[in-house]
Amino acid sequence: MRMFRSFHLALLAIFIFPALALAQQLPTPPALAAKSWLLVEYASGQELASQAADERIEPASLTKLMTAYLTFAALRQGTIQLDQMITVSEKAWKAQGSRMFIQVDTQVKVEDLIKGMIVQSGNDACVALSEAIAGSEDNFAQMMNREAQRLGMKASSFRNSAGMPDPQHYTTARDLAVLVSALIRDFPEDYAKYYSIKEFRYNNITQPNRNRLLWLDPTVDGVKTGHTEGAGYCLISSAKRGSRRLLSVVLGTSSDAVRAQESLKLLNFGFQFYDAVQLYAKDQAVSNLKVWKGSEKTVKAGFTRDFVLAVPKGYGPRVKAELVSRQPLIAPVTQGQVVGTMKVSLDDKPMGDYPVVAIEAVPVAGIFGRAIDTVRLWFN
């Protein structure tokens, strides 16, 4: 499982950078009233449009996506339980900014804290969850940074669970796209359960979800808003139309209304001007590659996820893919091991090179089989 996840992160890291060397064929993205932005095809992680996507920004409450990721991981690992009661500390109670209004020394159910964090953007809920999971918010920040590195968020640094301003608390639009992709991919049930909730009532106070797109576009099912004076108004959105899901990251707008308007503009651009083309299905054998010194003579090579590319509307039939094998491929071959490269082109112009993995394991052969292949390799 770890090998599969590592492969996906490698594939995402390749796609998330501009892949199409076809400027004259690409649709022109809209101009947005934002400091930086990024549009991503979720299935592949492929970038469709961007501006200043690698510029360091203050994430504000978008930080809560990492807090949610670690909370869902803690639930899966059994570190906390949904019905577990958490005693509210004075630090959580005193949290500044947006709050769910938990009271010091009272007990709150973990699931209510999750809803308070996601729907109400409660800073107090984030502190309470971080203390329950890691013992202290400082310890939790260390977990956030470790997870960011594991996910490939190389331009991010976290200092707190809620997104309070700090000179060493920063990220980029590109890293945020990696994070929200991982959240949806690794915790699909939790994402579907919480991120489309439009309002939540706690302590006799009902607060609406600040993501206006949940009301404006029925295909939008998340994700998170953020705002501080330094960050401006920010919104990460996810919309699924048919089988396609697009992610937009819009940072540094002038108002709540503008971040919603510009996010919808970006999503509509991606759906209207690009098609998603599935080249290969998950675990489909793209080829059977020669294996040396193995118990089997070949290994099935393919992708651990549906291999999907976004191309300008109508260009799907003009995409070509060529597999280049890594040879000699010597056993043992582990499931998920990179064994080749898929070279993809559009009208004979390169779109990118993407890793192909073994979709099955091939252990080593016996001593006699290894000896024969050793001799054969001398003549190859």
Protein backbone atom coordinates (compact mmCIF):
# COMPACT_ATOMS: atom_id res chain seq x y z
CA MET A 1 0.00 0.00 0.00
CA ARG A 2 2.86 2.37 0.86
CA MET A 3 4.44 1.63 -2.54
CA PHE A 4 1.16 2.45 -4.33
CA ARG A 5 0.82 5.72 -2.44
CA SER A 6 4.44 6.65 -3.16
CA PHE A 7 3.86 5.99 -6.86
CA HIS A 8 0.75 8.17 -6.89
CA LEU A 9 2.63 11.00 -5.21
CA ALA A 10 5.38 10.71 -7.80
CA LEU A 11 2.80 10.79 -10.59
CA LEU A 12 1.07 13.78 -8.98
CA ALA A 13 4.36 15.62 -8.64
CA ILE A 14 4.98 15.18 -12.37
CA PHE A 15 1.50 16.20 -13.47
CA ILE A 16 1.19 19.15 -11.12
CA PHE A 17 3.90 21.00 -13.02
CA PRO A 18 3.07 22.34 -16.49
CA ALA A 19 3.01 19.29 -18.73
CA LEU A 20 1.82 20.53 -22.10
CA ALA A 21 4.43 22.01 -24.43
CA LEU A 22 1.64 23.03 -26.79
CA ALA A 23 1.10 26.71 -26.10
CA GLN A 24 -0.37 27.44 -29.52
CA GLN A 25 -3.07 24.79 -28.98
CA LEU A 26 -4.04 25.55 -25.38
CA PRO A 27 -7.16 27.52 -24.49
CA THR A 28 -6.43 30.90 -22.92
CA PRO A 29 -7.39 30.84 -19.22
CA PRO A 30 -9.46 33.67 -17.80
CA ALA A 31 -7.83 36.59 -16.00
CA LEU A 32 -8.67 36.36 -12.30
CA ALA A 33 -8.77 39.09 -9.67
CA ALA A 34 -6.49 37.10 -7.34
CA LYS A 35 -2.85 37.07 -6.26
CA SER A 36 -2.29 33.44 -7.25
CA TRP A 37 -4.36 30.55 -8.51
CA LEU A 38 -4.21 27.04 -9.89
CA LEU A 39 -6.64 24.71 -11.68
CA VAL A 40 -6.01 20.96 -11.49
CA GLU A 41 -7.56 17.87 -13.08
CA TYR A 42 -8.04 15.71 -9.98
CA ALA A 43 -7.77 12.29 -11.63
CA SER A 44 -4.25 12.98 -12.87
CA GLY A 45 -3.12 16.02 -10.88
CA GLN A 46 -2.48 17.73 -14.21
CA GLU A 47 -2.27 21.52 -14.17
CA LEU A 48 -4.69 23.23 -16.56
CA ALA A 49 -4.07 26.88 -15.70
CA SER A 50 -2.15 28.87 -13.12
CA GLN A 51 -0.69 32.15 -12.00
CA ALA A 52 2.06 32.48 -9.38
CA ALA A 53 1.29 28.94 -8.20
CA ASP A 54 4.70 28.59 -6.54
CA GLU A 55 4.63 31.95 -4.78
CA ARG A 56 4.77 31.70 -0.98
CA ILE A 57 1.49 32.75 0.64
CA GLU A 58 -0.11 32.85 4.08
CA PRO A 59 -2.62 29.96 4.11
CA ALA A 60 -4.98 31.31 6.80
CA SER A 61 -7.80 28.80 7.42
CA LEU A 62 -6.78 26.68 4.43
CA THR A 63 -4.38 25.28 7.05
CA LYS A 64 -7.36 23.37 8.41
CA LEU A 65 -7.13 21.00 5.44
CA MET A 66 -3.94 19.58 6.94
CA THR A 67 -5.53 19.49 10.40
CA ALA A 68 -8.46 17.58 8.89
CA TYR A 69 -6.12 15.19 7.04
CA LEU A 70 -4.33 14.29 10.28
CA THR A 71 -7.65 14.05 12.15
CA PHE A 72 -9.03 11.56 9.62
CA ALA A 73 -5.76 9.61 9.81
CA ALA A 74 -6.04 9.52 13.62
CA LEU A 75 -9.61 8.19 13.34
CA ARG A 76 -8.47 5.46 10.95
CA GLN A 77 -5.61 4.51 13.26
CA GLY A 78 -7.85 4.46 16.34
CA THR A 79 -6.00 7.28 18.09
CA ILE A 80 -9.36 9.04 18.56
CA GLN A 81 -12.99 7.99 18.07
CA LEU A 82 -15.91 9.94 16.60
CA ASP A 83 -18.01 9.58 19.78
CA GLN A 84 -15.07 10.30 22.11
CA MET A 85 -15.58 13.22 24.48
CA ILE A 86 -12.75 15.80 24.58
CA THR A 87 -12.29 18.18 27.51
CA VAL A 88 -11.85 21.74 26.24
CA SER A 89 -8.61 23.37 27.40
CA GLU A 90 -8.22 27.03 28.23
CA LYS A 91 -6.01 27.45 25.15
CA ALA A 92 -8.70 26.03 22.86
CA TRP A 93 -11.39 28.14 24.52
CA LYS A 94 -9.33 31.33 24.10
CA ALA A 95 -8.56 30.73 20.42
CA GLN A 96 -8.99 33.94 18.44
CA GLY A 97 -10.74 34.43 15.11
CA SER A 98 -13.54 32.22 13.79
CA ARG A 99 -14.90 29.87 16.46
CA MET A 100 -17.49 27.18 17.14
CA PHE A 101 -17.82 28.56 20.69
CA ILE A 102 -16.77 25.60 22.81
CA GLN A 103 -16.48 26.36 26.53
CA VAL A 104 -13.49 25.73 28.78
CA ASP A 105 -13.61 22.55 30.90
CA THR A 106 -16.69 21.24 29.07
CA GLN A 107 -16.63 18.05 27.04
CA VAL A 108 -17.22 18.03 23.31
CA LYS A 109 -17.66 15.05 21.00
CA VAL A 110 -14.88 14.57 18.44
CA GLU A 111 -17.37 14.53 15.57
CA ASP A 112 -18.76 17.90 16.68
CA LEU A 113 -15.23 19.29 16.71
CA ILE A 114 -14.72 18.00 13.16
CA LYS A 115 -17.89 19.72 11.99
CA GLY A 116 -16.91 22.85 13.88
CA MET A 117 -13.51 22.83 12.17
CA ILE A 118 -14.81 22.16 8.63
CA VAL A 119 -18.20 23.88 8.50
CA GLN A 120 -17.72 26.74 10.98
CA SER A 121 -13.96 27.05 10.43
CA GLY A 122 -13.54 27.05 14.20
CA ASN A 123 -10.02 27.83 15.38
CA ASP A 124 -11.03 26.60 18.86
CA ALA A 125 -12.07 23.24 17.36
CA CYS A 126 -8.68 22.91 15.65
CA VAL A 127 -6.77 23.51 18.87
CA ALA A 128 -8.94 21.01 20.75
CA LEU A 129 -8.43 18.33 18.08
CA SER A 130 -4.69 18.96 17.87
CA GLU A 131 -4.34 18.55 21.64
CA ALA A 132 -6.42 15.36 21.62
CA ILE A 133 -4.33 13.82 18.85
CA ALA A 134 -0.81 15.00 19.71
CA GLY A 135 -0.95 16.17 23.33
CA SER A 136 -0.24 19.78 22.42
CA GLU A 137 -0.64 22.07 19.43
CA ASP A 138 3.16 22.39 19.14
CA ASN A 139 3.49 18.62 18.84
CA PHE A 140 0.68 18.62 16.28
CA ALA A 141 2.50 21.24 14.21
CA GLN A 142 5.47 18.86 14.02
CA MET A 143 3.11 16.16 12.71
CA MET A 144 1.77 18.63 10.14
CA ASN A 145 5.26 19.34 8.82
CA ARG A 146 6.19 15.66 8.66
CA GLU A 147 3.02 14.88 6.73
CA ALA A 148 3.60 17.82 4.39
CA GLN A 149 7.02 16.44 3.50
CA ARG A 150 5.64 12.94 2.98
CA LEU A 151 2.95 14.27 0.65
CA GLY A 152 5.50 16.23 -1.37
CA MET A 153 4.53 19.70 -0.12
CA LYS A 154 8.10 20.96 -0.33
CA ALA A 155 7.29 24.68 -0.09
CA SER A 156 5.15 24.52 3.06
CA SER A 157 5.77 25.15 6.75
CA PHE A 158 3.20 24.91 9.54
CA ARG A 159 3.31 26.43 13.03
CA ASN A 160 -0.26 25.96 14.25
CA SER A 161 -3.40 23.95 13.54
CA ALA A 162 -5.79 26.76 12.58
CA GLY A 163 -3.81 29.08 10.31
CA MET A 164 -3.06 31.93 12.66
CA PRO A 165 -0.49 34.32 11.13
CA ASP A 166 3.14 33.46 11.76
CA PRO A 167 6.24 34.32 9.66
CA GLN A 168 7.11 30.60 9.50
CA HIS A 169 3.58 29.48 8.60
CA TYR A 170 3.31 29.44 4.81
CA THR A 171 2.55 27.39 1.71
CA THR A 172 1.82 27.78 -2.03
CA ALA A 173 -1.14 27.23 -4.32
CA ARG A 174 0.63 24.18 -5.76
CA ASP A 175 1.21 22.62 -2.36
CA LEU A 176 -2.40 23.25 -1.39
CA ALA A 177 -3.53 21.43 -4.54
CA VAL A 178 -1.38 18.47 -3.52
CA LEU A 179 -2.92 18.54 -0.03
CA VAL A 180 -6.57 18.69 -1.09
CA SER A 181 -5.98 15.98 -3.71
CA ALA A 182 -4.54 13.74 -1.00
CA LEU A 183 -7.45 14.51 1.34
CA ILE A 184 -10.05 13.49 -1.24
CA ARG A 185 -8.04 10.47 -2.42
CA ASP A 186 -7.06 9.05 0.98
CA PHE A 187 -10.26 9.82 2.91
CA PRO A 188 -13.10 9.84 0.32
CA GLU A 189 -15.83 8.85 2.79
CA ASP A 190 -14.85 11.55 5.29
CA TYR A 191 -14.60 14.13 2.53
CA ALA A 192 -18.07 13.28 1.21
CA LYS A 193 -19.55 13.24 4.72
CA TYR A 194 -18.35 16.62 5.98
CA TYR A 195 -17.23 19.03 3.27
CA SER A 196 -20.61 19.62 1.63
CA ILE A 197 -22.44 20.40 4.92
CA LYS A 198 -23.97 23.85 4.51
CA GLU A 199 -24.47 24.74 8.18
CA PHE A 200 -23.80 23.44 11.68
CA ARG A 201 -25.37 24.32 15.01
CA TYR A 202 -23.42 24.07 18.25
CA ASN A 203 -23.96 25.73 21.65
CA ASN A 204 -27.27 27.14 20.32
CA ILE A 205 -25.37 29.02 17.60
CA THR A 206 -25.96 28.13 13.94
CA GLN A 207 -23.22 29.10 11.51
CA PRO A 208 -23.24 28.63 7.71
CA ASN A 209 -20.41 27.15 5.71
CA ARG A 210 -18.44 30.09 4.31
CA ASN A 211 -18.04 28.38 0.93
CA ARG A 212 -20.65 30.23 -1.16
CA LEU A 213 -20.23 27.82 -4.07
CA LEU A 214 -22.12 25.14 -2.13
CA TRP A 215 -25.22 27.23 -2.77
CA LEU A 216 -24.31 28.59 -6.22
CA ASP A 217 -23.22 25.40 -8.01
CA PRO A 218 -24.72 21.96 -7.19
CA THR A 219 -21.63 20.22 -8.63
CA VAL A 220 -19.40 21.80 -5.95
CA ASP A 221 -18.95 19.56 -2.90
CA GLY A 222 -16.18 21.43 -1.03
CA VAL A 223 -13.63 22.46 0.01
CA LYS A 224 -12.40 25.31 2.26
CA THR A 225 -12.31 29.07 2.66
CA GLY A 226 -9.63 31.16 4.32
CA HIS A 227 -9.16 34.80 5.27
CA THR A 228 -6.75 36.98 7.17
CA GLU A 229 -5.66 40.53 6.49
CA GLY A 230 -2.37 39.29 5.08
CA ALA A 231 -3.79 36.41 3.04
CA GLY A 232 -6.85 38.15 1.66
CA TYR A 233 -9.92 36.07 0.82
CA CYS A 234 -9.06 32.54 -0.35
CA LEU A 235 -11.04 29.54 -1.53
CA ILE A 236 -10.17 26.00 -2.56
CA SER A 237 -13.06 24.45 -4.51
CA SER A 238 -13.84 20.99 -5.81
CA ALA A 239 -16.51 20.31 -8.42
CA LYS A 240 -17.53 17.00 -9.96
CA ARG A 241 -19.42 17.04 -13.25
CA GLY A 242 -20.07 13.60 -14.64
CA SER A 243 -16.99 11.48 -14.03
CA ARG A 244 -14.62 14.48 -13.90
CA ARG A 245 -13.49 16.34 -10.81
CA LEU A 246 -11.62 19.64 -10.98
CA LEU A 247 -9.87 21.43 -8.13
CA SER A 248 -9.37 25.18 -8.08
CA VAL A 249 -7.15 27.11 -5.68
CA VAL A 250 -7.82 30.86 -5.66
CA LEU A 251 -5.78 32.97 -3.24
CA GLY A 252 -5.65 36.62 -2.27
CA THR A 253 -8.90 38.11 -3.55
CA SER A 254 -10.51 41.27 -2.19
CA SER A 255 -13.75 39.86 -0.76
CA ASP A 256 -15.86 36.81 0.03
CA ALA A 257 -17.97 37.41 -3.09
CA VAL A 258 -14.94 37.81 -5.37
CA ARG A 259 -13.27 34.57 -4.24
CA ALA A 260 -16.48 32.67 -5.03
CA GLN A 261 -16.95 34.41 -8.36
CA GLU A 262 -13.36 33.87 -9.51
CA SER A 263 -13.33 30.24 -8.35
CA LEU A 264 -16.47 29.46 -10.34
CA LYS A 265 -15.00 31.22 -13.37
CA LEU A 266 -11.90 29.02 -13.17
CA LEU A 267 -13.87 25.79 -12.71
CA ASN A 268 -16.15 26.59 -15.65
CA PHE A 269 -13.11 27.26 -17.83
CA GLY A 270 -11.68 23.83 -17.07
CA PHE A 271 -14.91 21.96 -17.74
CA GLN A 272 -15.78 23.88 -20.90
CA PHE A 273 -12.43 23.92 -22.67
CA TYR A 274 -10.84 20.59 -21.67
CA ASP A 275 -11.76 16.94 -22.02
CA ALA A 276 -10.51 14.21 -19.71
CA VAL A 277 -9.19 11.28 -21.76
CA GLN A 278 -8.65 7.93 -20.07
CA LEU A 279 -5.72 6.21 -21.75
CA TYR A 280 -5.58 3.14 -19.48
CA ALA A 281 -7.71 1.72 -16.68
CA LYS A 282 -6.45 0.99 -13.18
CA ASP A 283 -4.46 -2.29 -13.09
CA GLN A 284 -4.83 -2.75 -16.86
CA ALA A 285 -1.78 -4.49 -18.32
CA VAL A 286 -0.28 -1.92 -20.66
CA SER A 287 2.44 -4.42 -21.57
CA ASN A 288 4.15 -7.59 -20.39
CA LEU A 289 7.79 -6.69 -19.79
CA LYS A 290 10.73 -9.07 -19.87
CA VAL A 291 12.07 -10.03 -16.41
CA TRP A 292 15.51 -11.55 -15.84
CA LYS A 293 16.32 -14.05 -13.04
CA GLY A 294 12.65 -14.21 -12.01
CA SER A 295 10.23 -17.02 -11.25
CA GLU A 296 8.20 -15.63 -14.16
CA LYS A 297 9.60 -14.53 -17.49
CA THR A 298 7.44 -11.38 -17.73
CA VAL A 299 5.66 -8.92 -15.48
CA LYS A 300 2.42 -7.04 -16.15
CA ALA A 301 3.05 -3.28 -16.26
CA GLY A 302 0.43 -0.56 -15.90
CA PHE A 303 -1.00 2.04 -13.51
CA THR A 304 -2.41 1.75 -10.00
CA ARG A 305 -5.03 4.41 -10.84
CA ASP A 306 -6.95 5.18 -14.01
CA PHE A 307 -4.44 6.99 -16.24
CA VAL A 308 -6.27 10.14 -17.31
CA LEU A 309 -5.04 13.21 -19.17
CA ALA A 310 -6.77 16.50 -19.81
CA VAL A 311 -6.53 17.78 -23.38
CA PRO A 312 -8.20 20.67 -25.21
CA LYS A 313 -11.71 19.85 -26.37
CA GLY A 314 -11.70 17.60 -29.43
CA TYR A 315 -8.02 16.65 -29.20
CA GLY A 316 -8.50 13.28 -27.47
CA PRO A 317 -8.08 11.08 -30.60
CA ARG A 318 -4.77 12.82 -31.37
CA VAL A 319 -3.05 11.68 -28.17
CA LYS A 320 -0.43 8.95 -28.55
CA ALA A 321 1.36 6.94 -25.86
CA GLU A 322 4.58 4.92 -26.12
CA LEU A 323 5.95 2.68 -23.36
CA VAL A 324 9.71 2.61 -22.78
CA SER A 325 10.78 -0.27 -20.53
CA ARG A 326 13.57 -0.13 -17.98
CA GLN A 327 15.89 -2.91 -19.09
CA PRO A 328 17.37 -5.11 -17.93
CA LEU A 329 14.60 -5.62 -15.36
CA ILE A 330 16.02 -8.03 -12.80
CA ALA A 331 14.00 -9.91 -10.17
CA PRO A 332 12.79 -9.53 -7.55
CA VAL A 333 10.21 -7.09 -8.90
CA THR A 334 7.86 -5.69 -6.27
CA GLN A 335 4.25 -4.73 -6.87
CA GLY A 336 4.17 -0.97 -7.48
CA GLN A 337 7.82 -0.77 -8.56
CA VAL A 338 8.49 1.65 -11.42
CA VAL A 339 9.41 -0.49 -14.43
CA GLY A 340 9.02 1.89 -17.35
CA THR A 341 8.02 5.27 -18.70
CA MET A 342 4.96 6.20 -20.71
CA LYS A 343 5.83 8.90 -23.22
CA VAL A 344 2.70 10.81 -24.19
CA SER A 345 2.42 13.18 -27.13
CA LEU A 346 -0.26 15.26 -28.83
CA ASP A 347 0.19 15.81 -32.56
CA ASP A 348 3.72 14.41 -32.11
CA LYS A 349 4.55 17.12 -29.56
CA PRO A 350 5.48 15.86 -26.06
CA MET A 351 2.97 16.17 -23.24
CA GLY A 352 5.14 14.44 -20.67
CA ASP A 353 6.78 11.26 -19.40
CA TYR A 354 4.88 9.29 -16.74
CA PRO A 355 5.98 6.34 -14.59
CA VAL A 356 4.58 2.86 -15.28
CA VAL A 357 4.66 0.29 -12.46
CA ALA A 358 4.54 -3.45 -11.99
CA ILE A 359 0.97 -4.42 -11.13
CA GLU A 360 2.12 -7.76 -9.78
CA ALA A 361 5.19 -9.08 -7.98
CA VAL A 362 7.79 -11.40 -9.51
CA PRO A 363 10.06 -13.17 -6.98
CA VAL A 364 13.52 -14.44 -7.85
CA ALA A 365 13.94 -17.76 -9.65
CA GLY A 366 15.78 -20.74 -8.25
CA ILE A 367 19.56 -20.96 -8.46
CA PHE A 368 19.46 -22.78 -11.82
CA GLY A 369 17.15 -20.21 -13.43
CA ARG A 370 19.25 -17.33 -12.11
CA ALA A 371 22.43 -18.91 -13.45
CA ILE A 372 20.96 -19.32 -16.94
CA ASP A 373 19.79 -15.69 -17.08
CA THR A 374 23.15 -14.50 -15.79
CA VAL A 375 24.82 -16.14 -18.78
CA ARG A 376 22.19 -14.77 -21.16
CA LEU A 377 22.71 -11.25 -19.85
CA TRP A 378 26.41 -11.48 -20.77
CA PHE A 379 25.35 -11.73 -24.39
CA ASN A 380 22.81 -8.88 -24.21
